[in-house]
Amino acid sequence: MPLDTLLAEIRACRACASELPHEPRPVVWVSADTRLLICGQAPGRRVHESGLPFDDPSGDRLRDWLGIDRDTFYGHPAIGVAAMAFCFPGTAPKGGDYPPPKRCAQLWRPRLLAELPRVELTLLVGSHAQAWALGGGTGMTDTVRDWRARLPEVLPLPHPSWRNTSWLKRNRWFDAEVTPYLRDRVRHILEP
C-alpha cells in the first residue's frame, strides 16, 4: 500500500471515537524520506488543537536535545513523528494525560513502519514508546541508562515534558552523554 494512502486512512481513523472525550484528530508526521523517526506516547492537548507534533514546551525541549530549531523540525523531510497513539487520549483527573490506547499501535504501527524503509534512527520517547517497541522490562530510567545497547537503530529517551525536569536533574549523565551523541547523529542524518 502506498504511504499516502495509509496516511489518509490513519487520519480518517475513528476506532477510538467512543472512548475519547473529544473528536479524534490523528496526528502523524512522516514521509517516504523519513530517516529520523520520533516515537512518543500520544499527542497532548496543544498538539490536538494545532495538528503539529510536539507543538508545545516538551517539543521545545526535544528540539533542544536534537540540536535543531523549529523550522528544521517541521520542514526537513528526513524528520518524522509517529507516536504510539495518534490521537490525544484526554487529561486524567489528577493531571497529566491518559496513557495511549494500545489499540492505535496495534492497528497502525506495523503497517506504518513497513512503509518507512529509510529510517536510520528511531527515538523512543518515554516509557510507553519504550514498552511498546522493546517489550516490558526494566523501567524508563534503566532503559535510557542502557542507551548504547540498542544503537545504531534505536535510542530511548525520557519524555521531554516539564514533569521530567526533576528526573533530568537527578540524571545529569543524560545531558552529559546522550544529548551530545543525539545531536551528532541528527546532524549527520540531516546533512545532504
N, C-alpha and C. Protein backbone atom coordinates (compact mmCIF):
# COMPACT_ATOMS: atom_id res chain seq x y z
N MET A 1 0.85 -1.18 0.00
CA MET A 1 0.00 0.00 0.00
C MET A 1 0.89 1.24 0.00
N PRO A 2 0.62 2.19 -0.86
CA PRO A 2 1.41 3.43 -0.85
C PRO A 2 1.27 4.18 0.48
N LEU A 3 2.34 4.86 0.87
CA LEU A 3 2.35 5.59 2.14
C LEU A 3 1.24 6.63 2.19
N ASP A 4 1.02 7.37 1.11
CA ASP A 4 -0.02 8.41 1.12
C ASP A 4 -1.40 7.83 1.40
N THR A 5 -1.68 6.65 0.87
CA THR A 5 -2.97 6.00 1.11
C THR A 5 -3.10 5.59 2.57
N LEU A 6 -2.02 5.03 3.12
CA LEU A 6 -2.04 4.63 4.52
C LEU A 6 -2.20 5.85 5.44
N LEU A 7 -1.51 6.95 5.15
CA LEU A 7 -1.64 8.15 5.97
C LEU A 7 -3.06 8.71 5.91
N ALA A 8 -3.70 8.64 4.75
CA ALA A 8 -5.08 9.08 4.64
C ALA A 8 -6.00 8.21 5.51
N GLU A 9 -5.75 6.91 5.53
CA GLU A 9 -6.54 6.00 6.38
C GLU A 9 -6.33 6.33 7.86
N ILE A 10 -5.09 6.56 8.25
CA ILE A 10 -4.79 6.89 9.64
C ILE A 10 -5.50 8.19 10.04
N ARG A 11 -5.41 9.20 9.20
CA ARG A 11 -6.01 10.50 9.52
C ARG A 11 -7.54 10.44 9.56
N ALA A 12 -8.11 9.45 8.91
CA ALA A 12 -9.56 9.28 8.92
C ALA A 12 -10.03 8.32 10.01
N CYS A 13 -9.10 7.74 10.75
CA CYS A 13 -9.43 6.72 11.75
C CYS A 13 -10.33 7.29 12.85
N ARG A 14 -11.32 6.49 13.23
CA ARG A 14 -12.21 6.84 14.33
C ARG A 14 -12.40 5.64 15.25
N ALA A 15 -11.42 4.74 15.26
CA ALA A 15 -11.52 3.49 16.03
C ALA A 15 -11.73 3.74 17.52
N CYS A 16 -11.20 4.81 18.06
CA CYS A 16 -11.31 5.09 19.50
C CYS A 16 -12.32 6.19 19.80
N ALA A 17 -13.11 6.59 18.83
CA ALA A 17 -14.01 7.75 18.99
C ALA A 17 -14.92 7.61 20.21
N SER A 18 -15.41 6.41 20.47
CA SER A 18 -16.34 6.24 21.60
C SER A 18 -15.64 6.33 22.95
N GLU A 19 -14.31 6.24 22.97
CA GLU A 19 -13.56 6.27 24.22
C GLU A 19 -12.92 7.63 24.50
N LEU A 20 -12.93 8.52 23.52
CA LEU A 20 -12.28 9.82 23.68
C LEU A 20 -13.29 10.87 24.11
N PRO A 21 -12.84 11.87 24.89
CA PRO A 21 -13.75 12.93 25.33
C PRO A 21 -13.91 14.04 24.29
N HIS A 22 -13.41 13.82 23.07
CA HIS A 22 -13.43 14.82 22.02
C HIS A 22 -13.41 14.10 20.67
N GLU A 23 -13.57 14.85 19.61
CA GLU A 23 -13.49 14.29 18.26
C GLU A 23 -12.04 13.84 17.99
N PRO A 24 -11.85 12.64 17.47
CA PRO A 24 -10.49 12.20 17.15
C PRO A 24 -9.84 13.12 16.12
N ARG A 25 -8.56 13.36 16.29
CA ARG A 25 -7.76 14.10 15.32
C ARG A 25 -6.39 13.44 15.26
N PRO A 26 -6.27 12.37 14.49
CA PRO A 26 -4.97 11.68 14.41
C PRO A 26 -3.88 12.61 13.88
N VAL A 27 -2.75 12.61 14.59
CA VAL A 27 -1.60 13.43 14.20
C VAL A 27 -0.44 12.48 13.92
N VAL A 28 -0.01 12.45 12.69
CA VAL A 28 1.17 11.68 12.28
C VAL A 28 1.90 12.52 11.24
N TRP A 29 3.22 12.53 11.32
CA TRP A 29 4.02 13.46 10.54
C TRP A 29 5.21 12.68 9.96
N VAL A 30 5.00 11.98 8.87
CA VAL A 30 6.06 11.19 8.23
C VAL A 30 5.99 11.37 6.72
N SER A 31 7.06 10.99 6.06
CA SER A 31 7.08 10.98 4.60
C SER A 31 7.95 9.81 4.15
N ALA A 32 7.98 9.56 2.88
CA ALA A 32 8.83 8.49 2.33
C ALA A 32 10.30 8.77 2.58
N ASP A 33 10.64 10.02 2.87
CA ASP A 33 12.03 10.42 3.12
C ASP A 33 12.42 10.37 4.59
N THR A 34 11.53 9.94 5.47
CA THR A 34 11.82 9.91 6.90
C THR A 34 13.02 9.02 7.18
N ARG A 35 14.02 9.62 7.83
CA ARG A 35 15.23 8.88 8.24
C ARG A 35 15.40 8.90 9.76
N LEU A 36 14.83 9.93 10.40
CA LEU A 36 14.82 10.05 11.86
C LEU A 36 13.36 9.97 12.29
N LEU A 37 12.99 8.89 12.97
CA LEU A 37 11.61 8.68 13.38
C LEU A 37 11.50 8.89 14.89
N ILE A 38 10.66 9.84 15.28
CA ILE A 38 10.45 10.17 16.68
C ILE A 38 9.13 9.55 17.12
N CYS A 39 9.21 8.66 18.10
CA CYS A 39 8.03 7.93 18.58
C CYS A 39 7.78 8.27 20.03
N GLY A 40 6.82 9.13 20.26
CA GLY A 40 6.41 9.47 21.62
C GLY A 40 5.23 8.62 22.04
N GLN A 41 4.46 9.10 23.03
CA GLN A 41 3.34 8.28 23.50
C GLN A 41 2.04 8.64 22.81
N ALA A 42 1.65 9.90 22.80
CA ALA A 42 0.42 10.35 22.14
C ALA A 42 0.44 11.87 22.13
N PRO A 43 -0.29 12.48 21.21
CA PRO A 43 -0.35 13.94 21.21
C PRO A 43 -0.97 14.47 22.50
N GLY A 44 -0.50 15.62 22.93
CA GLY A 44 -1.12 16.31 24.05
C GLY A 44 -2.22 17.24 23.55
N ARG A 45 -2.81 17.96 24.47
CA ARG A 45 -3.93 18.85 24.13
C ARG A 45 -3.51 19.90 23.08
N ARG A 46 -2.38 20.53 23.27
CA ARG A 46 -1.95 21.58 22.32
C ARG A 46 -1.70 21.00 20.94
N VAL A 47 -1.14 19.81 20.89
CA VAL A 47 -0.89 19.16 19.60
C VAL A 47 -2.23 18.79 18.96
N HIS A 48 -3.16 18.33 19.75
CA HIS A 48 -4.51 18.02 19.24
C HIS A 48 -5.12 19.26 18.59
N GLU A 49 -4.93 20.40 19.22
CA GLU A 49 -5.51 21.64 18.69
C GLU A 49 -4.80 22.14 17.44
N SER A 50 -3.48 22.04 17.40
CA SER A 50 -2.72 22.59 16.27
C SER A 50 -2.53 21.60 15.12
N GLY A 51 -2.50 20.31 15.44
CA GLY A 51 -2.23 19.31 14.41
C GLY A 51 -0.75 19.12 14.13
N LEU A 52 0.12 19.80 14.89
CA LEU A 52 1.57 19.69 14.72
C LEU A 52 2.16 18.88 15.87
N PRO A 53 2.91 17.82 15.59
CA PRO A 53 3.50 17.05 16.69
C PRO A 53 4.53 17.87 17.47
N PHE A 54 4.55 17.66 18.75
CA PHE A 54 5.48 18.34 19.66
C PHE A 54 5.39 19.86 19.53
N ASP A 55 4.19 20.37 19.34
CA ASP A 55 3.94 21.81 19.25
C ASP A 55 3.59 22.34 20.63
N ASP A 56 4.54 22.19 21.56
CA ASP A 56 4.31 22.56 22.95
C ASP A 56 5.68 22.67 23.63
N PRO A 57 5.72 23.02 24.91
CA PRO A 57 7.02 23.15 25.58
C PRO A 57 7.86 21.86 25.56
N SER A 58 7.22 20.70 25.60
CA SER A 58 8.02 19.47 25.52
C SER A 58 8.70 19.38 24.15
N GLY A 59 8.06 19.89 23.12
CA GLY A 59 8.69 19.93 21.80
C GLY A 59 9.89 20.86 21.77
N ASP A 60 9.80 21.97 22.50
CA ASP A 60 10.95 22.88 22.59
C ASP A 60 12.14 22.16 23.23
N ARG A 61 11.88 21.42 24.30
CA ARG A 61 12.96 20.68 24.95
C ARG A 61 13.50 19.59 24.02
N LEU A 62 12.61 18.87 23.35
CA LEU A 62 13.05 17.83 22.43
C LEU A 62 13.91 18.42 21.32
N ARG A 63 13.49 19.53 20.73
CA ARG A 63 14.29 20.16 19.68
C ARG A 63 15.65 20.60 20.20
N ASP A 64 15.71 21.03 21.46
CA ASP A 64 17.00 21.37 22.06
C ASP A 64 17.88 20.13 22.16
N TRP A 65 17.31 19.01 22.60
CA TRP A 65 18.09 17.77 22.66
C TRP A 65 18.59 17.38 21.27
N LEU A 66 17.77 17.61 20.24
CA LEU A 66 18.15 17.25 18.88
C LEU A 66 19.15 18.23 18.28
N GLY A 67 19.23 19.43 18.84
CA GLY A 67 20.13 20.45 18.31
C GLY A 67 19.61 21.09 17.04
N ILE A 68 18.28 21.19 16.92
CA ILE A 68 17.68 21.80 15.73
C ILE A 68 16.62 22.82 16.15
N ASP A 69 16.30 23.70 15.22
CA ASP A 69 15.27 24.70 15.50
C ASP A 69 13.90 24.22 15.01
N ARG A 70 12.91 25.01 15.30
CA ARG A 70 11.52 24.68 14.97
C ARG A 70 11.32 24.53 13.46
N ASP A 71 11.91 25.45 12.68
CA ASP A 71 11.76 25.37 11.22
C ASP A 71 12.34 24.08 10.66
N THR A 72 13.48 23.67 11.17
CA THR A 72 14.08 22.41 10.71
C THR A 72 13.22 21.23 11.12
N PHE A 73 12.74 21.26 12.35
CA PHE A 73 11.93 20.15 12.87
C PHE A 73 10.72 19.90 11.98
N TYR A 74 10.01 20.97 11.61
CA TYR A 74 8.80 20.81 10.81
C TYR A 74 9.05 20.86 9.30
N GLY A 75 10.23 21.32 8.89
CA GLY A 75 10.46 21.50 7.47
C GLY A 75 11.39 20.51 6.80
N HIS A 76 12.16 19.75 7.57
CA HIS A 76 13.12 18.83 6.96
C HIS A 76 12.43 17.50 6.67
N PRO A 77 12.49 17.04 5.43
CA PRO A 77 11.77 15.81 5.07
C PRO A 77 12.30 14.54 5.73
N ALA A 78 13.50 14.60 6.29
CA ALA A 78 14.07 13.40 6.93
C ALA A 78 13.51 13.17 8.34
N ILE A 79 12.81 14.16 8.90
CA ILE A 79 12.28 14.04 10.26
C ILE A 79 10.82 13.61 10.21
N GLY A 80 10.51 12.55 10.95
CA GLY A 80 9.13 12.08 11.04
C GLY A 80 8.73 11.86 12.49
N VAL A 81 7.45 12.00 12.76
CA VAL A 81 6.92 11.79 14.11
C VAL A 81 5.70 10.88 14.02
N ALA A 82 5.75 9.78 14.74
CA ALA A 82 4.63 8.84 14.78
C ALA A 82 4.55 8.27 16.20
N ALA A 83 3.66 8.81 16.99
CA ALA A 83 3.51 8.38 18.38
C ALA A 83 2.88 6.99 18.46
N MET A 84 2.84 6.44 19.67
CA MET A 84 2.21 5.13 19.88
C MET A 84 0.71 5.20 19.60
N ALA A 85 0.10 6.34 19.91
CA ALA A 85 -1.29 6.60 19.58
C ALA A 85 -1.32 7.95 18.87
N PHE A 86 -2.15 8.07 17.87
CA PHE A 86 -2.16 9.28 17.05
C PHE A 86 -3.13 10.34 17.53
N CYS A 87 -3.99 10.01 18.48
CA CYS A 87 -4.97 10.98 18.99
C CYS A 87 -4.68 11.30 20.46
N PHE A 88 -4.99 12.52 20.84
CA PHE A 88 -4.91 12.95 22.23
C PHE A 88 -5.87 12.09 23.06
N PRO A 89 -5.36 11.38 24.08
CA PRO A 89 -6.22 10.47 24.84
C PRO A 89 -7.05 11.15 25.92
N GLY A 90 -6.84 12.44 26.16
CA GLY A 90 -7.58 13.15 27.20
C GLY A 90 -6.73 13.33 28.45
N THR A 91 -7.21 14.20 29.32
CA THR A 91 -6.49 14.52 30.55
C THR A 91 -7.06 13.72 31.71
N ALA A 92 -6.17 13.10 32.46
CA ALA A 92 -6.58 12.30 33.63
C ALA A 92 -7.03 13.24 34.75
N PRO A 93 -7.90 12.76 35.65
CA PRO A 93 -8.41 13.61 36.74
C PRO A 93 -7.32 14.22 37.63
N LYS A 94 -6.22 13.52 37.83
CA LYS A 94 -5.16 14.03 38.70
C LYS A 94 -4.09 14.79 37.93
N GLY A 95 -4.36 15.13 36.67
CA GLY A 95 -3.39 15.85 35.85
C GLY A 95 -2.61 14.89 34.99
N GLY A 96 -1.96 15.42 33.99
CA GLY A 96 -1.27 14.58 33.04
C GLY A 96 -2.28 13.96 32.09
N ASP A 97 -1.80 13.41 31.01
CA ASP A 97 -2.67 12.80 30.02
C ASP A 97 -2.84 11.31 30.31
N TYR A 98 -3.96 10.77 29.86
CA TYR A 98 -4.16 9.33 29.93
C TYR A 98 -3.10 8.65 29.07
N PRO A 99 -2.78 7.39 29.37
CA PRO A 99 -1.83 6.67 28.53
C PRO A 99 -2.40 6.45 27.12
N PRO A 100 -1.53 6.23 26.15
CA PRO A 100 -2.03 6.00 24.80
C PRO A 100 -2.80 4.68 24.72
N PRO A 101 -3.94 4.68 24.04
CA PRO A 101 -4.68 3.42 23.90
C PRO A 101 -3.87 2.42 23.07
N LYS A 102 -3.76 1.21 23.54
CA LYS A 102 -2.96 0.19 22.84
C LYS A 102 -3.54 -0.13 21.47
N ARG A 103 -4.84 0.03 21.33
CA ARG A 103 -5.49 -0.30 20.07
C ARG A 103 -4.85 0.44 18.89
N CYS A 104 -4.49 1.69 19.08
CA CYS A 104 -3.94 2.50 18.00
C CYS A 104 -2.63 1.89 17.48
N ALA A 105 -1.72 1.59 18.39
CA ALA A 105 -0.44 1.00 17.98
C ALA A 105 -0.66 -0.35 17.31
N GLN A 106 -1.55 -1.15 17.85
CA GLN A 106 -1.81 -2.46 17.27
C GLN A 106 -2.40 -2.34 15.87
N LEU A 107 -3.25 -1.38 15.68
CA LEU A 107 -3.94 -1.20 14.41
C LEU A 107 -3.03 -0.61 13.33
N TRP A 108 -2.17 0.34 13.69
CA TRP A 108 -1.45 1.11 12.68
C TRP A 108 0.06 0.95 12.62
N ARG A 109 0.73 0.73 13.75
CA ARG A 109 2.20 0.81 13.74
C ARG A 109 2.88 -0.20 12.82
N PRO A 110 2.53 -1.47 12.83
CA PRO A 110 3.24 -2.38 11.93
C PRO A 110 3.13 -1.97 10.46
N ARG A 111 1.94 -1.55 10.06
CA ARG A 111 1.75 -1.13 8.66
C ARG A 111 2.53 0.15 8.36
N LEU A 112 2.51 1.09 9.29
CA LEU A 112 3.20 2.35 9.06
C LEU A 112 4.72 2.13 9.00
N LEU A 113 5.26 1.40 9.96
CA LEU A 113 6.70 1.17 9.98
C LEU A 113 7.18 0.45 8.73
N ALA A 114 6.36 -0.44 8.19
CA ALA A 114 6.72 -1.16 6.96
C ALA A 114 6.84 -0.21 5.77
N GLU A 115 6.16 0.94 5.84
CA GLU A 115 6.20 1.92 4.75
C GLU A 115 7.30 2.97 4.93
N LEU A 116 8.15 2.79 5.95
CA LEU A 116 9.23 3.75 6.23
C LEU A 116 10.59 3.05 6.19
N PRO A 117 11.00 2.55 5.03
CA PRO A 117 12.22 1.74 4.96
C PRO A 117 13.52 2.53 5.10
N ARG A 118 13.48 3.85 5.03
CA ARG A 118 14.70 4.65 5.07
C ARG A 118 15.09 5.08 6.49
N VAL A 119 14.28 4.71 7.48
CA VAL A 119 14.56 5.14 8.86
C VAL A 119 15.90 4.58 9.32
N GLU A 120 16.78 5.47 9.78
CA GLU A 120 18.10 5.10 10.28
C GLU A 120 18.14 5.09 11.80
N LEU A 121 17.35 5.98 12.41
CA LEU A 121 17.35 6.09 13.87
C LEU A 121 15.92 6.33 14.34
N THR A 122 15.49 5.52 15.29
CA THR A 122 14.18 5.68 15.92
C THR A 122 14.39 6.12 17.36
N LEU A 123 13.80 7.24 17.71
CA LEU A 123 13.84 7.74 19.09
C LEU A 123 12.60 7.26 19.80
N LEU A 124 12.77 6.51 20.87
CA LEU A 124 11.65 6.03 21.69
C LEU A 124 11.52 6.97 22.87
N VAL A 125 10.57 7.89 22.78
CA VAL A 125 10.43 8.99 23.73
C VAL A 125 9.42 8.62 24.81
N GLY A 126 9.93 8.30 25.99
CA GLY A 126 9.08 7.99 27.13
C GLY A 126 8.82 6.51 27.29
N SER A 127 8.30 6.17 28.46
CA SER A 127 8.14 4.76 28.84
C SER A 127 7.12 4.02 27.99
N HIS A 128 6.06 4.68 27.54
CA HIS A 128 5.05 3.98 26.74
C HIS A 128 5.63 3.55 25.39
N ALA A 129 6.39 4.42 24.76
CA ALA A 129 7.02 4.07 23.48
C ALA A 129 8.05 2.97 23.68
N GLN A 130 8.80 3.06 24.75
CA GLN A 130 9.82 2.05 25.02
C GLN A 130 9.18 0.70 25.31
N ALA A 131 8.11 0.67 26.08
CA ALA A 131 7.44 -0.59 26.40
C ALA A 131 6.87 -1.23 25.14
N TRP A 132 6.28 -0.43 24.25
CA TRP A 132 5.70 -0.99 23.03
C TRP A 132 6.79 -1.56 22.13
N ALA A 133 7.84 -0.80 21.92
CA ALA A 133 8.87 -1.21 20.97
C ALA A 133 9.83 -2.26 21.52
N LEU A 134 10.10 -2.19 22.83
CA LEU A 134 11.13 -3.05 23.40
C LEU A 134 10.56 -4.14 24.31
N GLY A 135 9.27 -4.10 24.56
CA GLY A 135 8.66 -5.04 25.49
C GLY A 135 8.78 -4.50 26.91
N GLY A 136 8.19 -5.21 27.83
CA GLY A 136 8.25 -4.80 29.23
C GLY A 136 9.68 -4.85 29.72
N GLY A 137 9.88 -4.54 30.94
CA GLY A 137 11.25 -4.67 31.38
C GLY A 137 11.64 -3.83 32.55
N THR A 138 12.72 -3.11 32.34
CA THR A 138 13.45 -2.53 33.44
C THR A 138 13.00 -1.15 33.87
N GLY A 139 12.08 -0.54 33.16
CA GLY A 139 11.65 0.82 33.50
C GLY A 139 12.40 1.84 32.68
N MET A 140 11.85 3.04 32.62
CA MET A 140 12.39 4.07 31.76
C MET A 140 13.81 4.47 32.11
N THR A 141 14.11 4.66 33.38
CA THR A 141 15.46 5.11 33.75
C THR A 141 16.52 4.11 33.33
N ASP A 142 16.30 2.84 33.64
CA ASP A 142 17.29 1.82 33.26
C ASP A 142 17.36 1.65 31.75
N THR A 143 16.23 1.77 31.08
CA THR A 143 16.24 1.65 29.61
C THR A 143 17.04 2.77 28.99
N VAL A 144 16.84 4.00 29.46
CA VAL A 144 17.58 5.13 28.92
C VAL A 144 19.05 5.05 29.33
N ARG A 145 19.32 4.61 30.56
CA ARG A 145 20.70 4.50 31.03
C ARG A 145 21.49 3.51 30.16
N ASP A 146 20.80 2.50 29.63
CA ASP A 146 21.42 1.49 28.78
C ASP A 146 21.29 1.86 27.30
N TRP A 147 21.31 3.16 26.99
CA TRP A 147 21.03 3.67 25.65
C TRP A 147 21.97 3.13 24.58
N ARG A 148 23.19 2.82 24.92
CA ARG A 148 24.15 2.34 23.91
C ARG A 148 23.82 0.94 23.39
N ALA A 149 23.07 0.16 24.16
CA ALA A 149 22.81 -1.24 23.82
C ALA A 149 21.97 -1.40 22.56
N ARG A 150 21.20 -0.40 22.19
CA ARG A 150 20.30 -0.54 21.04
C ARG A 150 20.75 0.24 19.82
N LEU A 151 21.89 0.89 19.92
CA LEU A 151 22.43 1.66 18.81
C LEU A 151 22.92 0.72 17.71
N PRO A 152 22.92 1.14 16.48
CA PRO A 152 22.65 2.49 15.99
C PRO A 152 21.20 2.73 15.56
N GLU A 153 20.33 1.72 15.66
CA GLU A 153 18.97 1.87 15.14
C GLU A 153 17.99 2.54 16.09
N VAL A 154 18.15 2.36 17.40
CA VAL A 154 17.16 2.81 18.38
C VAL A 154 17.87 3.56 19.51
N LEU A 155 17.24 4.66 19.92
CA LEU A 155 17.75 5.42 21.06
C LEU A 155 16.58 5.77 21.97
N PRO A 156 16.52 5.18 23.18
CA PRO A 156 15.46 5.52 24.13
C PRO A 156 15.76 6.84 24.83
N LEU A 157 14.73 7.66 24.98
CA LEU A 157 14.85 8.96 25.64
C LEU A 157 13.76 9.10 26.70
N PRO A 158 14.00 9.92 27.73
CA PRO A 158 12.90 10.24 28.64
C PRO A 158 11.93 11.14 27.88
N HIS A 159 10.73 11.27 28.39
CA HIS A 159 9.81 12.22 27.76
C HIS A 159 10.29 13.63 28.08
N PRO A 160 10.27 14.55 27.12
CA PRO A 160 10.78 15.90 27.38
C PRO A 160 9.82 16.81 28.13
N SER A 161 8.76 16.27 28.69
CA SER A 161 7.78 17.05 29.44
C SER A 161 8.42 17.75 30.64
N TRP A 162 7.82 18.87 31.04
CA TRP A 162 8.27 19.57 32.25
C TRP A 162 8.16 18.65 33.46
N ARG A 163 7.27 17.66 33.39
CA ARG A 163 7.10 16.73 34.51
C ARG A 163 8.38 15.92 34.76
N ASN A 164 9.27 15.86 33.78
CA ASN A 164 10.52 15.11 33.94
C ASN A 164 11.71 16.00 34.27
N THR A 165 11.47 17.25 34.61
CA THR A 165 12.58 18.16 34.95
C THR A 165 13.37 17.63 36.14
N SER A 166 12.71 17.14 37.15
CA SER A 166 13.44 16.61 38.31
C SER A 166 14.22 15.34 37.93
N TRP A 167 13.66 14.52 37.02
CA TRP A 167 14.39 13.33 36.55
C TRP A 167 15.68 13.78 35.87
N LEU A 168 15.61 14.79 35.04
CA LEU A 168 16.80 15.28 34.33
C LEU A 168 17.83 15.83 35.31
N LYS A 169 17.39 16.47 36.40
CA LYS A 169 18.32 16.99 37.40
C LYS A 169 18.99 15.85 38.17
N ARG A 170 18.25 14.77 38.41
CA ARG A 170 18.82 13.62 39.13
C ARG A 170 19.72 12.77 38.23
N ASN A 171 19.52 12.85 36.94
CA ASN A 171 20.24 12.00 36.00
C ASN A 171 21.03 12.87 35.01
N ARG A 172 21.97 13.58 35.55
CA ARG A 172 22.74 14.54 34.75
C ARG A 172 23.57 13.87 33.66
N TRP A 173 23.80 12.57 33.78
CA TRP A 173 24.51 11.84 32.74
C TRP A 173 23.77 11.92 31.41
N PHE A 174 22.44 12.12 31.44
CA PHE A 174 21.68 12.20 30.19
C PHE A 174 22.18 13.37 29.35
N ASP A 175 22.23 14.57 29.94
CA ASP A 175 22.72 15.73 29.19
C ASP A 175 24.20 15.64 28.86
N ALA A 176 24.96 14.99 29.72
CA ALA A 176 26.40 14.88 29.50
C ALA A 176 26.76 13.84 28.44
N GLU A 177 26.00 12.75 28.35
CA GLU A 177 26.35 11.65 27.45
C GLU A 177 25.41 11.51 26.26
N VAL A 178 24.12 11.46 26.53
CA VAL A 178 23.15 11.14 25.48
C VAL A 178 22.93 12.32 24.54
N THR A 179 22.73 13.51 25.09
CA THR A 179 22.43 14.67 24.25
C THR A 179 23.52 14.95 23.22
N PRO A 180 24.80 14.96 23.58
CA PRO A 180 25.82 15.19 22.55
C PRO A 180 25.81 14.12 21.45
N TYR A 181 25.62 12.87 21.85
CA TYR A 181 25.55 11.80 20.85
C TYR A 181 24.35 12.03 19.92
N LEU A 182 23.20 12.34 20.51
CA LEU A 182 21.99 12.55 19.73
C LEU A 182 22.16 13.70 18.75
N ARG A 183 22.70 14.82 19.19
CA ARG A 183 22.90 15.96 18.30
C ARG A 183 23.82 15.61 17.14
N ASP A 184 24.86 14.85 17.42
CA ASP A 184 25.78 14.46 16.36
C ASP A 184 25.09 13.55 15.35
N ARG A 185 24.34 12.57 15.82
CA ARG A 185 23.60 11.67 14.91
C ARG A 185 22.60 12.44 14.06
N VAL A 186 21.86 13.35 14.70
CA VAL A 186 20.86 14.12 13.97
C VAL A 186 21.54 14.97 12.90
N ARG A 187 22.64 15.60 13.24
CA ARG A 187 23.36 16.42 12.26
C ARG A 187 23.75 15.58 11.04
N HIS A 188 24.26 14.37 11.26
CA HIS A 188 24.66 13.51 10.15
C HIS A 188 23.45 13.03 9.33
N ILE A 189 22.35 12.76 9.99
CA ILE A 189 21.15 12.31 9.28
C ILE A 189 20.57 13.43 8.41
N LEU A 190 20.64 14.66 8.90
CA LEU A 190 20.01 15.77 8.19
C LEU A 190 20.91 16.40 7.13
N GLU A 191 22.20 16.07 7.15
CA GLU A 191 23.09 16.64 6.13
C GLU A 191 22.73 16.07 4.77
N PRO A 192 22.85 16.91 3.73
CA PRO A 192 22.54 16.42 2.37
C PRO A 192 23.53 15.35 1.91
